[in-house]
């Protein structure tokens, strides 16, 4: 074990970096990272959007730039209009549901008011008038003076 580096228990680093070890430890991660980054860089050039066309000197390139801006704006407007139409349709459907709910709740309120009115009428019919009601035995007569305890 002379001349070898111990990385961890049971793992020993080789003394000389062979091409195979060099490729597996150094070149493979580099190649994979380049493989991932190159397509991302090439896609970034084709991102649609508004470009400043006044920097172009050639008329054909300027015209192409303006046409690209027009196409981008038209597609953006189409997407937004479709999105807003869907939102408006959903809002209309929700309004219709809420209208139906209000109608049913109004019917319930009318039914409850009618039953409350009927109950009040039934109570009034069942209650004898004040003249027919006999006075309570413990209650003092209405014309009697207040007692001494109540005068304090």
N, C-alpha and C. Protein backbone atom coordinates (compact mmCIF):
# COMPACT_ATOMS: atom_id res chain seq x y z
N UNK A 1 0.80 -1.18 0.00
CA UNK A 1 0.00 0.00 0.00
C UNK A 1 0.85 1.27 0.00
N UNK A 2 2.06 1.17 -0.27
CA UNK A 2 2.94 2.33 -0.31
C UNK A 2 2.68 3.06 -1.61
N UNK A 3 2.49 4.40 -1.54
CA UNK A 3 2.29 5.20 -2.73
C UNK A 3 0.83 5.34 -3.15
N UNK A 4 -0.08 4.76 -2.45
CA UNK A 4 -1.50 4.88 -2.78
C UNK A 4 -2.20 5.75 -1.75
N UNK A 5 -3.21 6.49 -2.19
CA UNK A 5 -3.98 7.36 -1.30
C UNK A 5 -5.27 6.64 -0.93
N UNK A 6 -5.55 6.62 0.36
CA UNK A 6 -6.78 5.99 0.83
C UNK A 6 -7.86 7.06 0.89
N UNK A 7 -8.93 6.93 0.09
CA UNK A 7 -10.02 7.89 0.05
C UNK A 7 -11.03 7.62 1.14
N UNK A 8 -11.34 6.40 1.35
CA UNK A 8 -12.29 5.98 2.37
C UNK A 8 -11.94 4.55 2.72
N UNK A 9 -12.46 4.04 3.82
CA UNK A 9 -12.16 2.66 4.16
C UNK A 9 -12.58 1.73 3.02
N UNK A 10 -11.67 1.00 2.50
CA UNK A 10 -11.97 0.06 1.43
C UNK A 10 -11.83 0.65 0.05
N UNK A 11 -11.64 2.00 -0.11
CA UNK A 11 -11.52 2.64 -1.41
C UNK A 11 -10.12 3.22 -1.51
N UNK A 12 -9.38 2.78 -2.48
CA UNK A 12 -7.99 3.24 -2.66
C UNK A 12 -7.89 3.88 -4.03
N UNK A 13 -7.30 5.07 -4.09
CA UNK A 13 -7.12 5.76 -5.36
C UNK A 13 -5.95 5.15 -6.10
N UNK A 14 -6.02 5.06 -7.43
CA UNK A 14 -4.88 4.52 -8.19
C UNK A 14 -3.71 5.50 -8.15
N UNK A 15 -2.54 4.95 -8.28
CA UNK A 15 -1.33 5.77 -8.18
C UNK A 15 -1.16 6.62 -9.44
N UNK A 16 -1.46 6.12 -10.57
CA UNK A 16 -1.28 6.83 -11.83
C UNK A 16 -2.64 6.93 -12.50
N UNK A 17 -2.95 8.11 -13.07
CA UNK A 17 -4.21 8.29 -13.78
C UNK A 17 -4.07 7.71 -15.18
N UNK A 18 -4.76 6.65 -15.40
CA UNK A 18 -4.75 6.03 -16.71
C UNK A 18 -5.76 6.75 -17.59
N UNK A 19 -5.69 6.61 -18.90
CA UNK A 19 -6.67 7.27 -19.78
C UNK A 19 -8.11 6.87 -19.46
N UNK A 20 -8.30 5.63 -19.06
CA UNK A 20 -9.65 5.18 -18.73
C UNK A 20 -10.16 5.92 -17.48
N UNK A 21 -9.33 6.05 -16.46
CA UNK A 21 -9.73 6.74 -15.23
C UNK A 21 -9.94 8.22 -15.52
N UNK A 22 -9.06 8.80 -16.31
CA UNK A 22 -9.19 10.21 -16.67
C UNK A 22 -10.51 10.44 -17.41
N UNK A 23 -10.85 9.59 -18.33
CA UNK A 23 -12.09 9.74 -19.09
C UNK A 23 -13.31 9.58 -18.21
N UNK A 24 -13.27 8.64 -17.30
CA UNK A 24 -14.46 8.40 -16.49
C UNK A 24 -14.66 9.46 -15.42
N UNK A 25 -13.58 10.06 -14.95
CA UNK A 25 -13.72 11.01 -13.84
C UNK A 25 -13.72 12.47 -14.27
N UNK A 26 -13.11 12.79 -15.36
CA UNK A 26 -12.96 14.19 -15.74
C UNK A 26 -13.73 14.51 -17.03
N UNK A 27 -13.48 13.75 -18.06
CA UNK A 27 -14.05 14.09 -19.36
C UNK A 27 -15.55 13.80 -19.45
N UNK A 28 -16.02 12.75 -18.85
CA UNK A 28 -17.44 12.40 -18.96
C UNK A 28 -18.34 13.50 -18.39
N UNK A 29 -18.09 14.02 -17.19
CA UNK A 29 -18.95 15.11 -16.71
C UNK A 29 -18.87 16.35 -17.58
N UNK A 30 -17.70 16.65 -18.11
CA UNK A 30 -17.56 17.82 -18.98
C UNK A 30 -18.37 17.64 -20.27
N UNK A 31 -18.28 16.47 -20.86
CA UNK A 31 -19.01 16.21 -22.10
C UNK A 31 -20.52 16.23 -21.85
N UNK A 32 -20.94 15.66 -20.75
CA UNK A 32 -22.38 15.66 -20.44
C UNK A 32 -22.89 17.08 -20.20
N UNK A 33 -22.12 17.90 -19.51
CA UNK A 33 -22.57 19.27 -19.27
C UNK A 33 -22.63 20.05 -20.58
N UNK A 34 -21.68 19.86 -21.47
CA UNK A 34 -21.75 20.52 -22.78
C UNK A 34 -22.93 20.02 -23.59
N UNK A 35 -23.21 18.74 -23.50
CA UNK A 35 -24.33 18.15 -24.23
C UNK A 35 -25.66 18.74 -23.75
N UNK A 36 -25.75 19.07 -22.47
CA UNK A 36 -26.97 19.66 -21.92
C UNK A 36 -27.05 21.14 -22.25
N UNK A 37 -25.95 21.87 -22.19
CA UNK A 37 -25.96 23.31 -22.36
C UNK A 37 -26.07 23.76 -23.82
N UNK A 38 -25.54 23.03 -24.75
CA UNK A 38 -25.55 23.45 -26.15
C UNK A 38 -26.98 23.55 -26.71
N UNK A 39 -27.86 22.57 -26.52
CA UNK A 39 -29.22 22.74 -27.03
C UNK A 39 -29.95 23.89 -26.35
N UNK A 40 -29.70 24.14 -25.07
CA UNK A 40 -30.36 25.25 -24.39
C UNK A 40 -29.93 26.58 -24.99
N UNK A 41 -28.68 26.71 -25.36
CA UNK A 41 -28.19 27.95 -25.97
C UNK A 41 -28.78 28.14 -27.36
N UNK A 42 -28.92 27.07 -28.11
CA UNK A 42 -29.47 27.21 -29.45
C UNK A 42 -30.96 27.52 -29.40
N UNK A 43 -31.68 27.05 -28.40
CA UNK A 43 -33.09 27.37 -28.28
C UNK A 43 -33.31 28.81 -27.84
N UNK A 44 -32.40 29.38 -27.11
CA UNK A 44 -32.55 30.74 -26.62
C UNK A 44 -32.55 31.75 -27.76
N UNK A 45 -32.00 31.42 -28.89
CA UNK A 45 -31.96 32.35 -30.02
C UNK A 45 -33.32 32.46 -30.70
N UNK A 46 -34.16 31.44 -30.57
CA UNK A 46 -35.43 31.43 -31.28
C UNK A 46 -36.61 31.81 -30.40
N UNK A 47 -36.37 32.49 -29.30
CA UNK A 47 -37.45 32.89 -28.41
C UNK A 47 -38.23 34.01 -29.09
N UNK A 48 -39.53 33.81 -29.29
CA UNK A 48 -40.32 34.85 -29.95
C UNK A 48 -40.54 36.03 -29.01
N UNK A 49 -40.62 37.20 -29.59
CA UNK A 49 -40.86 38.40 -28.82
C UNK A 49 -40.69 39.63 -29.68
N UNK A 50 -40.80 40.78 -29.05
CA UNK A 50 -40.66 42.04 -29.77
C UNK A 50 -39.17 42.35 -29.92
N UNK A 51 -38.77 42.62 -31.13
CA UNK A 51 -37.38 42.96 -31.41
C UNK A 51 -37.31 44.43 -31.83
N UNK A 52 -36.17 45.02 -31.61
CA UNK A 52 -35.95 46.40 -32.06
C UNK A 52 -35.44 46.34 -33.49
N UNK A 53 -36.28 46.74 -34.41
CA UNK A 53 -35.97 46.58 -35.83
C UNK A 53 -35.20 47.76 -36.41
N UNK A 54 -35.10 48.85 -35.69
CA UNK A 54 -34.42 50.02 -36.23
C UNK A 54 -32.91 49.83 -36.29
N UNK A 55 -32.39 48.82 -35.61
CA UNK A 55 -30.94 48.58 -35.64
C UNK A 55 -30.51 47.90 -36.93
N UNK A 56 -31.44 47.31 -37.65
CA UNK A 56 -31.10 46.62 -38.90
C UNK A 56 -30.89 47.65 -40.01
N UNK A 57 -29.82 47.49 -40.77
CA UNK A 57 -29.50 48.43 -41.86
C UNK A 57 -30.14 48.01 -43.18
N UNK A 58 -30.18 46.71 -43.44
CA UNK A 58 -30.73 46.22 -44.71
C UNK A 58 -32.25 46.21 -44.62
N UNK A 59 -32.87 46.67 -45.70
CA UNK A 59 -34.34 46.76 -45.71
C UNK A 59 -35.00 45.39 -45.62
N UNK A 60 -34.43 44.38 -46.26
CA UNK A 60 -35.05 43.06 -46.19
C UNK A 60 -34.99 42.49 -44.78
N UNK A 61 -33.90 42.73 -44.07
CA UNK A 61 -33.81 42.26 -42.67
C UNK A 61 -34.75 43.07 -41.77
N UNK A 62 -34.88 44.36 -42.04
CA UNK A 62 -35.78 45.19 -41.25
C UNK A 62 -37.23 44.77 -41.48
N UNK A 63 -37.57 44.51 -42.73
CA UNK A 63 -38.92 44.06 -43.06
C UNK A 63 -39.21 42.71 -42.39
N UNK A 64 -38.26 41.82 -42.44
CA UNK A 64 -38.41 40.51 -41.80
C UNK A 64 -38.59 40.67 -40.29
N UNK A 65 -37.85 41.58 -39.70
CA UNK A 65 -37.96 41.83 -38.26
C UNK A 65 -39.34 42.37 -37.91
N UNK A 66 -39.82 43.32 -38.71
CA UNK A 66 -41.15 43.89 -38.46
C UNK A 66 -42.24 42.82 -38.64
N UNK A 67 -42.10 41.99 -39.65
CA UNK A 67 -43.08 40.92 -39.87
C UNK A 67 -43.07 39.93 -38.70
N UNK A 68 -41.89 39.65 -38.17
CA UNK A 68 -41.78 38.77 -37.00
C UNK A 68 -42.49 39.39 -35.80
N UNK A 69 -42.33 40.70 -35.61
CA UNK A 69 -43.03 41.38 -34.51
C UNK A 69 -44.54 41.33 -34.70
N UNK A 70 -44.99 41.52 -35.94
CA UNK A 70 -46.43 41.47 -36.23
C UNK A 70 -46.98 40.08 -35.94
N UNK A 71 -46.28 39.05 -36.39
CA UNK A 71 -46.74 37.68 -36.14
C UNK A 71 -46.79 37.39 -34.64
N UNK A 72 -45.78 37.83 -33.92
CA UNK A 72 -45.77 37.62 -32.47
C UNK A 72 -46.96 38.30 -31.81
N UNK A 73 -47.23 39.55 -32.19
CA UNK A 73 -48.34 40.28 -31.59
C UNK A 73 -49.68 39.64 -31.95
N UNK A 74 -49.83 39.19 -33.18
CA UNK A 74 -51.09 38.55 -33.59
C UNK A 74 -51.33 37.26 -32.81
N UNK A 75 -50.31 36.43 -32.66
CA UNK A 75 -50.49 35.19 -31.89
C UNK A 75 -50.76 35.49 -30.42
N UNK A 76 -50.12 36.51 -29.87
CA UNK A 76 -50.36 36.88 -28.48
C UNK A 76 -51.79 37.35 -28.29
N UNK A 77 -52.28 38.15 -29.22
CA UNK A 77 -53.65 38.66 -29.15
C UNK A 77 -54.65 37.50 -29.27
N UNK A 78 -54.39 36.56 -30.16
CA UNK A 78 -55.28 35.40 -30.30
C UNK A 78 -55.34 34.59 -29.02
N UNK A 79 -54.16 34.34 -28.43
CA UNK A 79 -54.12 33.57 -27.17
C UNK A 79 -54.88 34.28 -26.06
N UNK A 80 -54.65 35.58 -25.95
CA UNK A 80 -55.31 36.35 -24.89
C UNK A 80 -56.82 36.41 -25.10
N UNK A 81 -57.24 36.58 -26.36
CA UNK A 81 -58.68 36.65 -26.61
C UNK A 81 -59.36 35.31 -26.31
N UNK A 82 -58.72 34.20 -26.66
CA UNK A 82 -59.29 32.89 -26.33
C UNK A 82 -59.35 32.69 -24.82
N UNK A 83 -58.31 33.11 -24.13
CA UNK A 83 -58.28 32.98 -22.68
C UNK A 83 -59.39 33.80 -22.04
N UNK A 84 -59.56 35.02 -22.52
CA UNK A 84 -60.61 35.88 -21.95
C UNK A 84 -62.00 35.38 -22.31
N UNK A 85 -62.18 34.83 -23.49
CA UNK A 85 -63.48 34.25 -23.84
C UNK A 85 -63.84 33.10 -22.91
N UNK A 86 -62.85 32.26 -22.62
CA UNK A 86 -63.10 31.15 -21.69
C UNK A 86 -63.46 31.67 -20.31
N UNK A 87 -62.78 32.71 -19.86
CA UNK A 87 -63.09 33.28 -18.54
C UNK A 87 -64.48 33.90 -18.52
N UNK A 88 -64.85 34.57 -19.60
CA UNK A 88 -66.18 35.18 -19.68
C UNK A 88 -67.25 34.11 -19.70
N UNK A 89 -67.04 33.04 -20.46
CA UNK A 89 -68.01 31.94 -20.50
C UNK A 89 -68.17 31.30 -19.12
N UNK A 90 -67.05 31.11 -18.42
CA UNK A 90 -67.13 30.54 -17.07
C UNK A 90 -67.87 31.48 -16.13
N UNK A 91 -67.64 32.78 -16.27
CA UNK A 91 -68.33 33.76 -15.42
C UNK A 91 -69.83 33.77 -15.73
N UNK A 92 -70.18 33.67 -17.00
CA UNK A 92 -71.61 33.63 -17.37
C UNK A 92 -72.29 32.40 -16.79
N UNK A 93 -71.62 31.26 -16.86
CA UNK A 93 -72.19 30.04 -16.29
C UNK A 93 -72.37 30.19 -14.78
N UNK A 94 -71.40 30.79 -14.14
CA UNK A 94 -71.50 30.98 -12.69
C UNK A 94 -72.63 31.96 -12.35
N UNK A 95 -72.81 32.98 -13.17
CA UNK A 95 -73.90 33.93 -12.94
C UNK A 95 -75.25 33.24 -13.05
N UNK A 96 -75.39 32.36 -14.04
CA UNK A 96 -76.66 31.63 -14.20
C UNK A 96 -76.93 30.74 -12.99
N UNK A 97 -75.89 30.09 -12.50
CA UNK A 97 -76.06 29.25 -11.30
C UNK A 97 -76.46 30.10 -10.11
N UNK A 98 -75.84 31.25 -9.97
CA UNK A 98 -76.17 32.14 -8.85
C UNK A 98 -77.59 32.69 -8.98
N UNK A 99 -78.03 32.98 -10.20
CA UNK A 99 -79.41 33.45 -10.40
C UNK A 99 -80.41 32.37 -9.97
N UNK A 100 -80.12 31.13 -10.35
CA UNK A 100 -81.00 30.03 -9.95
C UNK A 100 -81.02 29.87 -8.43
N UNK A 101 -79.87 30.05 -7.81
CA UNK A 101 -79.79 29.96 -6.35
C UNK A 101 -80.60 31.07 -5.70
N UNK A 102 -80.51 32.28 -6.24
CA UNK A 102 -81.27 33.41 -5.69
C UNK A 102 -82.77 33.15 -5.81
N UNK A 103 -83.19 32.61 -6.94
CA UNK A 103 -84.62 32.33 -7.13
C UNK A 103 -85.09 31.29 -6.11
N UNK A 104 -84.30 30.24 -5.92
CA UNK A 104 -84.72 29.21 -4.95
C UNK A 104 -84.70 29.76 -3.54
N UNK A 105 -83.74 30.59 -3.21
CA UNK A 105 -83.70 31.19 -1.87
C UNK A 105 -84.86 32.16 -1.66
N UNK A 106 -85.22 32.90 -2.70
CA UNK A 106 -86.36 33.81 -2.60
C UNK A 106 -87.65 33.03 -2.37
N UNK A 107 -87.78 31.88 -3.02
CA UNK A 107 -88.96 31.05 -2.81
C UNK A 107 -89.00 30.55 -1.37
N UNK A 108 -87.85 30.14 -0.84
CA UNK A 108 -87.79 29.67 0.55
C UNK A 108 -88.16 30.79 1.51
N UNK A 109 -87.67 32.01 1.25
CA UNK A 109 -87.99 33.15 2.12
C UNK A 109 -89.48 33.44 2.06
N UNK A 110 -90.07 33.40 0.88
CA UNK A 110 -91.52 33.64 0.76
C UNK A 110 -92.31 32.57 1.51
N UNK A 111 -91.90 31.31 1.39
CA UNK A 111 -92.59 30.24 2.11
C UNK A 111 -92.47 30.43 3.62
N UNK A 112 -91.28 30.80 4.08
CA UNK A 112 -91.09 31.02 5.52
C UNK A 112 -91.91 32.21 6.02
N UNK A 113 -91.97 33.28 5.23
CA UNK A 113 -92.78 34.43 5.63
C UNK A 113 -94.26 34.07 5.68
N UNK A 114 -94.71 33.29 4.72
CA UNK A 114 -96.12 32.88 4.72
C UNK A 114 -96.42 31.98 5.92
N UNK A 115 -95.53 31.06 6.22
CA UNK A 115 -95.78 30.19 7.38
C UNK A 115 -95.70 30.98 8.68
N UNK A 116 -94.82 31.98 8.75
CA UNK A 116 -94.74 32.80 9.95
C UNK A 116 -96.01 33.63 10.12
N UNK A 117 -96.51 34.16 9.03
CA UNK A 117 -97.74 34.94 9.08
C UNK A 117 -98.91 34.05 9.51
N UNK A 118 -98.96 32.83 8.97
CA UNK A 118 -100.04 31.90 9.32
C UNK A 118 -99.94 31.52 10.80
N UNK A 119 -98.73 31.29 11.29
CA UNK A 119 -98.54 30.95 12.70
C UNK A 119 -98.97 32.10 13.59
N UNK A 120 -98.64 33.32 13.21
CA UNK A 120 -99.03 34.49 14.00
C UNK A 120 -100.55 34.63 14.03
N UNK A 121 -101.20 34.37 12.91
CA UNK A 121 -102.67 34.44 12.88
C UNK A 121 -103.28 33.35 13.75
N UNK A 122 -102.71 32.16 13.71
CA UNK A 122 -103.22 31.06 14.54
C UNK A 122 -103.05 31.38 16.03
N UNK A 123 -101.94 32.01 16.38
CA UNK A 123 -101.71 32.37 17.79
C UNK A 123 -102.70 33.44 18.21
N UNK A 124 -102.95 34.40 17.34
CA UNK A 124 -103.92 35.46 17.68
C UNK A 124 -105.33 34.90 17.83
N UNK A 125 -105.72 33.93 17.03
CA UNK A 125 -107.04 33.33 17.13
C UNK A 125 -107.17 32.50 18.41
N UNK A 126 -106.09 31.82 18.76
CA UNK A 126 -106.13 30.96 19.94
C UNK A 126 -106.05 31.77 21.22
N UNK A 127 -105.46 32.93 21.20
CA UNK A 127 -105.33 33.76 22.40
C UNK A 127 -106.66 34.46 22.67
N UNK A 128 -107.17 34.33 23.90
CA UNK A 128 -108.41 35.07 24.23
C UNK A 128 -108.07 36.56 24.37
N UNK A 129 -109.08 37.39 24.20
CA UNK A 129 -108.87 38.83 24.32
C UNK A 129 -108.60 39.20 25.77
N UNK A 130 -108.15 40.40 26.03
CA UNK A 130 -107.77 40.84 27.37
C UNK A 130 -108.98 40.87 28.31
N UNK A 131 -110.17 41.16 27.81
CA UNK A 131 -111.37 41.22 28.66
C UNK A 131 -111.77 39.83 29.13
N UNK A 132 -111.54 38.82 28.31
CA UNK A 132 -111.94 37.47 28.67
C UNK A 132 -110.93 36.81 29.59
N UNK A 133 -109.71 37.31 29.67
CA UNK A 133 -108.68 36.69 30.47
C UNK A 133 -108.89 37.04 31.94
N UNK A 134 -108.99 36.03 32.81
CA UNK A 134 -109.15 36.33 34.24
C UNK A 134 -107.82 36.82 34.81
N UNK A 135 -107.88 37.76 35.79
CA UNK A 135 -106.64 38.26 36.37
C UNK A 135 -105.97 37.17 37.20
N UNK A 136 -104.67 37.22 37.24
CA UNK A 136 -103.93 36.23 38.03
C UNK A 136 -104.13 36.50 39.51
N UNK A 137 -104.07 35.46 40.32
CA UNK A 137 -104.33 35.61 41.75
C UNK A 137 -103.21 36.38 42.44
N UNK A 138 -101.98 36.20 42.02
CA UNK A 138 -100.86 36.85 42.69
C UNK A 138 -100.62 38.27 42.16
N UNK A 139 -101.12 38.61 41.03
CA UNK A 139 -100.89 39.92 40.45
C UNK A 139 -101.79 40.95 41.12
N UNK A 140 -101.26 42.14 41.45
CA UNK A 140 -102.10 43.18 42.05
C UNK A 140 -103.00 43.78 40.98
N UNK A 141 -104.10 44.30 41.37
CA UNK A 141 -104.98 44.95 40.39
C UNK A 141 -104.27 46.16 39.77
N UNK A 142 -104.66 46.50 38.56
CA UNK A 142 -104.01 47.58 37.83
C UNK A 142 -104.22 48.93 38.52
N UNK A 143 -105.35 49.13 39.17
CA UNK A 143 -105.66 50.42 39.78
C UNK A 143 -105.09 50.54 41.19
N UNK A 144 -104.56 49.48 41.76
CA UNK A 144 -104.08 49.51 43.15
C UNK A 144 -102.76 50.28 43.22
N UNK A 145 -102.53 51.00 44.37
CA UNK A 145 -101.27 51.73 44.51
C UNK A 145 -100.11 50.75 44.72
N UNK A 146 -98.92 51.22 44.41
CA UNK A 146 -97.73 50.36 44.53
C UNK A 146 -97.48 50.04 45.98
N UNK A 147 -96.93 48.91 46.23
CA UNK A 147 -96.67 48.51 47.62
C UNK A 147 -95.48 49.29 48.15
N UNK A 148 -95.25 49.20 49.46
CA UNK A 148 -94.17 49.94 50.10
C UNK A 148 -92.82 49.44 49.61
N UNK A 149 -92.70 48.18 49.35
CA UNK A 149 -91.41 47.64 48.89
C UNK A 149 -91.08 48.20 47.51
N UNK A 150 -92.03 48.37 46.67
CA UNK A 150 -91.79 48.86 45.33
C UNK A 150 -91.56 50.37 45.32
N UNK A 151 -91.96 51.09 46.40
CA UNK A 151 -91.82 52.54 46.45
C UNK A 151 -90.41 52.97 46.83
N UNK A 152 -89.64 52.13 47.39
CA UNK A 152 -88.31 52.51 47.86
C UNK A 152 -87.46 52.96 46.76
